[in-house]
Amino acid sequence: MSAAVTHRYGLDDLRRFGVAMGEAVGLSGPRSLALVAQLLWFDAAGASSLGIATLPTWLEAMSAGRVDPSARGRVTQERTALALLDGEQGPAPLVLERAAGMAVEKARDAAVGMVRVVGAGPMESTAAVAAGIAIGPMAGAVLGPGRSWSLALPSEGGLPMILDTGLAALGERRLARPSRLEGFWAASEVLVPEGGWLLMAVSVPALESLTAFDRRLAEVAGRLGEAPGRLLPETWEVRRREARSRGVTVGASAWKSLVEWARRFAIEVPAAIGGGPVPSVGS
């Protein structure tokens, strides 16, 4: 099989495939499903290099003991609107997803919820985590190592608008010049321990009416337009529909790595949509 060949695969097939491999390295069924669902979020959003193609990296980290598949994280301190969470070296996508849920619950009670996380490791993008916060309607933000950040703002159409440094890196452009964000970076790096994360949820209805917020968000989105690092609701919905109807593309090298892990665990490899060939490990 040529290294240049790529094929499309159904989301459900990839979900079952990924969950089986996650379980093989020690994740429980529900946690494996949560991890794979978060990765496939990127595939459905048009950022395939951050999606299921990264699963082998997580499988390797868990197999080698660098990441503990059973660690769920431990709350070390909690107040009305704030919690501290030790991820205990669990899978970062799952630890941050738990932290996001905690921030949302606190924001429902106190209008604002914040969770500071240590012991979770880096991620290339937390856009999926931030997007999960912004259903509610909540505004969500995730700040992390390497000056990475994600912001998700709920919109009238249902899907949030997302600004994310990881998505921006795919386009080899920054969201803004560092000099324009010095105060922001300084605040985040002081508030968040080195290598740690800070997640925030803000209840929009506690600030103002949803009508006023939606109107202002639409105006801002119109001025911003499409660019690397920005995922607007309309664009995201089109990509999601296409992914559901036509499947998603997985690059040849990423697919070969996934197949190698599947062969290791004797897991059946799904066929490509349209009956494309399944590569052998040595191809």
Protein backbone atom coordinates (compact mmCIF):
# COMPACT_ATOMS: atom_id res chain seq x y z
CA MET A 1 0.00 0.00 0.00
CA SER A 2 1.41 3.36 -1.00
CA ALA A 3 2.27 5.75 1.83
CA ALA A 4 0.40 8.45 -0.12
CA VAL A 5 -2.93 6.59 -0.09
CA THR A 6 -5.61 7.73 2.35
CA HIS A 7 -9.11 6.40 2.91
CA ARG A 8 -12.28 7.45 4.68
CA TYR A 9 -13.68 5.51 7.63
CA GLY A 10 -17.06 5.66 9.30
CA LEU A 11 -17.23 7.40 12.67
CA ASP A 12 -19.02 4.48 14.31
CA ASP A 13 -16.44 2.02 12.97
CA LEU A 14 -13.58 4.16 14.25
CA ARG A 15 -15.31 4.56 17.60
CA ARG A 16 -15.66 0.80 18.10
CA PHE A 17 -12.12 0.23 16.84
CA GLY A 18 -10.60 2.82 19.15
CA VAL A 19 -12.59 1.75 22.20
CA ALA A 20 -11.41 -1.84 21.83
CA MET A 21 -7.76 -0.72 21.76
CA GLY A 22 -8.25 1.58 24.73
CA GLU A 23 -9.69 -1.29 26.72
CA ALA A 24 -6.73 -3.46 25.69
CA VAL A 25 -4.28 -1.09 27.43
CA GLY A 26 -6.29 -0.86 30.65
CA LEU A 27 -9.02 1.74 30.19
CA SER A 28 -12.49 0.77 31.35
CA GLY A 29 -15.13 0.64 28.63
CA PRO A 30 -16.77 3.99 29.48
CA ARG A 31 -13.41 5.77 29.87
CA SER A 32 -12.13 4.32 26.62
CA LEU A 33 -15.29 5.53 24.90
CA ALA A 34 -14.84 9.01 26.42
CA LEU A 35 -11.23 9.21 25.21
CA VAL A 36 -12.04 8.04 21.68
CA ALA A 37 -15.08 10.33 21.48
CA GLN A 38 -12.89 13.30 22.37
CA LEU A 39 -10.37 12.39 19.68
CA LEU A 40 -13.07 11.88 17.06
CA TRP A 41 -14.41 15.32 17.95
CA PHE A 42 -11.37 16.75 16.16
CA ASP A 43 -11.90 14.53 13.12
CA ALA A 44 -15.49 15.73 12.86
CA ALA A 45 -14.33 19.33 13.28
CA GLY A 46 -11.90 19.05 10.36
CA ALA A 47 -8.70 18.79 12.43
CA SER A 48 -7.79 15.18 11.67
CA SER A 49 -4.15 15.48 12.75
CA LEU A 50 -5.43 16.05 16.32
CA GLY A 51 -8.02 13.28 16.13
CA ILE A 52 -7.99 9.49 16.05
CA ALA A 53 -4.53 9.70 14.44
CA THR A 54 -3.17 10.57 17.91
CA LEU A 55 -4.61 7.47 19.59
CA PRO A 56 -1.37 5.45 19.14
CA THR A 57 0.46 8.12 21.17
CA TRP A 58 -1.97 7.63 24.07
CA LEU A 59 -1.81 3.84 23.73
CA GLU A 60 1.97 3.93 23.88
CA ALA A 61 1.97 6.25 26.91
CA MET A 62 -0.42 3.99 28.80
CA SER A 63 1.37 0.78 27.78
CA ALA A 64 4.72 2.21 28.87
CA GLY A 65 3.38 3.37 32.24
CA ARG A 66 3.88 7.08 31.63
CA VAL A 67 0.11 7.56 31.85
CA ASP A 68 -2.05 5.61 34.30
CA PRO A 69 -5.21 4.42 32.51
CA SER A 70 -7.00 3.81 35.81
CA ALA A 71 -6.30 7.23 37.37
CA ARG A 72 -9.41 9.41 37.56
CA GLY A 73 -7.89 12.28 39.51
CA ARG A 74 -8.30 13.31 43.14
CA VAL A 75 -9.89 16.49 44.47
CA THR A 76 -7.44 17.97 46.97
CA GLN A 77 -9.36 21.12 47.87
CA GLU A 78 -12.82 22.43 47.13
CA ARG A 79 -14.79 25.61 47.71
CA THR A 80 -18.03 27.00 46.36
CA ALA A 81 -16.64 28.16 43.01
CA LEU A 82 -13.17 26.60 43.01
CA ALA A 83 -11.62 23.14 43.14
CA LEU A 84 -8.09 21.79 42.93
CA LEU A 85 -7.72 18.48 41.10
CA ASP A 86 -4.68 16.22 41.04
CA GLY A 87 -4.85 14.23 37.82
CA GLU A 88 -2.48 11.59 39.25
CA GLN A 89 -0.96 11.14 35.77
CA GLY A 90 -4.17 9.89 34.26
CA PRO A 91 -4.98 10.43 30.56
CA ALA A 92 -5.07 14.21 30.15
CA PRO A 93 -8.20 14.27 27.93
CA LEU A 94 -10.16 12.36 30.58
CA VAL A 95 -8.77 14.30 33.54
CA LEU A 96 -9.58 17.62 31.88
CA GLU A 97 -13.02 16.40 30.86
CA ARG A 98 -13.72 15.60 34.51
CA ALA A 99 -12.39 19.01 35.55
CA ALA A 100 -14.63 20.67 32.96
CA GLY A 101 -17.67 18.90 34.39
CA MET A 102 -16.74 20.10 37.87
CA ALA A 103 -16.36 23.69 36.64
CA VAL A 104 -19.79 23.56 34.98
CA GLU A 105 -21.46 22.22 38.13
CA LYS A 106 -19.94 25.02 40.19
CA ALA A 107 -20.99 27.63 37.64
CA ARG A 108 -24.57 26.39 37.83
CA ASP A 109 -24.56 27.08 41.56
CA ALA A 110 -22.26 30.10 41.80
CA ALA A 111 -22.38 31.59 38.24
CA VAL A 112 -18.62 31.00 37.94
CA GLY A 113 -16.66 27.76 38.34
CA MET A 114 -12.90 27.27 38.26
CA VAL A 115 -10.82 24.11 38.54
CA ARG A 116 -7.04 24.09 38.70
CA VAL A 117 -5.44 20.83 37.59
CA VAL A 118 -1.98 19.37 38.18
CA GLY A 119 -0.65 15.95 37.20
CA ALA A 120 -2.41 15.71 33.84
CA GLY A 121 0.33 16.32 31.26
CA PRO A 122 0.17 18.37 28.04
CA MET A 123 -2.27 18.25 25.14
CA GLU A 124 -1.95 19.76 21.69
CA SER A 125 -5.46 21.20 21.85
CA THR A 126 -8.24 21.38 24.42
CA ALA A 127 -10.85 22.69 22.00
CA ALA A 128 -13.06 19.64 22.59
CA VAL A 129 -12.92 20.16 26.36
CA ALA A 130 -13.78 23.85 26.07
CA ALA A 131 -16.61 23.04 23.65
CA GLY A 132 -18.04 20.61 26.20
CA ILE A 133 -18.23 23.42 28.75
CA ALA A 134 -20.01 25.76 26.35
CA ILE A 135 -23.19 23.70 26.18
CA GLY A 136 -25.53 24.99 28.82
CA PRO A 137 -25.23 27.91 28.02
CA MET A 138 -21.82 28.46 29.54
CA ALA A 139 -18.73 30.25 28.34
CA GLY A 140 -15.72 27.96 28.77
CA ALA A 141 -11.98 28.54 28.85
CA VAL A 142 -9.02 26.21 29.29
CA LEU A 143 -5.50 27.52 29.95
CA GLY A 144 -2.56 25.15 29.91
CA PRO A 145 1.13 24.47 29.43
CA GLY A 146 3.10 26.16 26.68
CA ARG A 147 0.74 29.12 26.57
CA SER A 148 -2.00 26.96 25.11
CA TRP A 149 -5.58 28.07 25.54
CA SER A 150 -9.08 27.40 24.30
CA LEU A 151 -12.14 29.61 24.52
CA ALA A 152 -15.66 28.43 23.69
CA LEU A 153 -18.65 30.77 23.57
CA PRO A 154 -22.22 29.44 23.27
CA SER A 155 -24.19 30.58 20.25
CA GLU A 156 -27.84 30.80 19.34
CA GLY A 157 -27.41 28.06 16.74
CA GLY A 158 -26.43 25.47 19.34
CA LEU A 159 -22.77 24.88 18.55
CA PRO A 160 -20.29 27.23 20.26
CA MET A 161 -17.73 29.47 18.62
CA ILE A 162 -14.22 28.25 19.46
CA LEU A 163 -10.87 30.01 19.50
CA ASP A 164 -7.97 27.68 20.15
CA THR A 165 -4.19 27.86 19.91
CA GLY A 166 -3.90 24.18 18.98
CA LEU A 167 -6.18 24.64 16.00
CA ALA A 168 -4.27 27.79 15.08
CA ALA A 169 -1.02 25.83 15.02
CA LEU A 170 -2.45 23.63 12.26
CA GLY A 171 -2.55 26.71 10.05
CA GLU A 172 0.94 27.79 11.15
CA ARG A 173 -0.48 31.09 12.37
CA ARG A 174 -0.91 32.48 15.85
CA LEU A 175 -4.18 33.87 17.08
CA ALA A 176 -2.46 37.11 18.02
CA ARG A 177 1.03 38.49 18.46
CA PRO A 178 2.55 37.68 21.88
CA SER A 179 3.06 41.39 22.60
CA ARG A 180 -0.70 41.89 22.48
CA LEU A 181 -1.26 39.11 25.00
CA GLU A 182 1.51 39.73 27.51
CA GLY A 183 -0.86 40.53 30.34
CA PHE A 184 -2.97 37.47 29.58
CA TRP A 185 0.05 35.15 29.47
CA ALA A 186 1.50 36.63 32.65
CA ALA A 187 -1.76 36.13 34.52
CA SER A 188 -2.21 32.56 33.30
CA GLU A 189 1.35 31.53 34.05
CA VAL A 190 1.13 32.91 37.59
CA LEU A 191 -2.29 31.37 38.30
CA VAL A 192 -1.44 27.97 36.81
CA PRO A 193 1.52 25.89 38.10
CA GLU A 194 4.08 24.89 35.50
CA GLY A 195 2.65 22.05 33.46
CA GLY A 196 -0.79 22.55 35.01
CA TRP A 197 -4.19 23.62 33.73
CA LEU A 198 -6.92 26.05 34.68
CA LEU A 199 -10.49 25.50 33.51
CA MET A 200 -13.25 28.08 33.84
CA ALA A 201 -16.99 28.06 33.24
CA VAL A 202 -19.17 31.16 33.36
CA SER A 203 -22.97 31.07 33.30
CA VAL A 204 -24.03 33.46 30.55
CA PRO A 205 -27.60 33.99 31.89
CA ALA A 206 -26.08 35.19 35.16
CA LEU A 207 -24.39 38.01 33.24
CA GLU A 208 -27.10 39.13 30.85
CA SER A 209 -29.95 37.95 28.66
CA LEU A 210 -29.12 35.28 26.10
CA THR A 211 -30.63 37.48 23.39
CA ALA A 212 -28.14 40.27 24.05
CA PHE A 213 -25.24 37.84 24.30
CA ASP A 214 -26.17 36.01 21.08
CA ARG A 215 -26.49 39.29 19.19
CA ARG A 216 -23.06 40.48 20.30
CA LEU A 217 -21.45 37.10 19.60
CA ALA A 218 -22.88 37.11 16.07
CA GLU A 219 -21.43 40.57 15.47
CA VAL A 220 -18.00 39.53 16.73
CA ALA A 221 -18.04 36.30 14.72
CA GLY A 222 -18.93 38.27 11.62
CA ARG A 223 -15.96 40.57 12.11
CA LEU A 224 -13.54 37.72 12.83
CA GLY A 225 -14.42 35.50 9.88
CA GLU A 226 -12.69 32.21 9.13
CA ALA A 227 -9.03 31.80 10.05
CA PRO A 228 -6.72 29.20 11.61
CA GLY A 229 -7.58 28.79 15.26
CA ARG A 230 -11.21 29.80 14.79
CA LEU A 231 -14.06 27.34 14.52
CA LEU A 232 -17.31 29.16 13.82
CA PRO A 233 -20.64 27.39 14.47
CA GLU A 234 -21.74 27.32 10.82
CA THR A 235 -18.45 25.86 9.60
CA TRP A 236 -18.37 23.33 12.39
CA GLU A 237 -21.93 22.15 11.64
CA VAL A 238 -21.09 21.61 7.95
CA ARG A 239 -18.03 19.57 8.87
CA ARG A 240 -19.97 17.50 11.40
CA ARG A 241 -22.66 16.66 8.87
CA GLU A 242 -20.03 15.65 6.33
CA ALA A 243 -18.23 13.46 8.87
CA ARG A 244 -21.47 11.71 9.82
CA SER A 245 -22.53 11.12 6.22
CA ARG A 246 -19.19 10.48 4.50
CA GLY A 247 -16.86 9.41 7.30
CA VAL A 248 -13.49 10.96 8.03
CA THR A 249 -10.12 10.74 6.37
CA VAL A 250 -7.26 9.03 8.18
CA GLY A 251 -3.79 9.53 6.74
CA ALA A 252 -1.85 6.48 5.59
CA SER A 253 0.92 6.72 8.19
CA ALA A 254 -1.55 7.26 11.03
CA TRP A 255 -3.67 4.35 9.83
CA LYS A 256 -0.65 2.08 9.62
CA SER A 257 0.20 2.88 13.24
CA LEU A 258 -3.38 2.17 14.32
CA VAL A 259 -3.33 -1.15 12.46
CA GLU A 260 -0.06 -2.14 14.15
CA TRP A 261 -1.66 -1.63 17.56
CA ALA A 262 -4.73 -3.55 16.47
CA ARG A 263 -2.62 -6.49 15.33
CA ARG A 264 -0.81 -6.45 18.66
CA PHE A 265 -4.12 -6.95 20.48
CA ALA A 266 -5.78 -9.13 17.82
CA ILE A 267 -8.48 -6.50 17.24
CA GLU A 268 -10.43 -6.53 14.00
CA VAL A 269 -9.55 -3.63 11.70
CA PRO A 270 -12.50 -1.83 10.06
CA ALA A 271 -12.66 -1.54 6.31
CA ALA A 272 -12.57 1.81 4.58
CA ILE A 273 -15.78 3.28 3.23
CA GLY A 274 -16.22 2.07 -0.32
CA GLY A 275 -14.28 -1.13 0.33
CA GLY A 276 -10.78 0.31 0.29
CA PRO A 277 -7.95 -2.02 1.26
CA VAL A 278 -6.94 -2.62 4.86
CA PRO A 279 -3.17 -2.23 5.10
CA SER A 280 -1.09 -5.01 6.57
CA VAL A 281 1.41 -4.24 9.28
CA GLY A 282 4.30 -4.55 6.91
CA SER A 283 2.82 -2.43 4.14
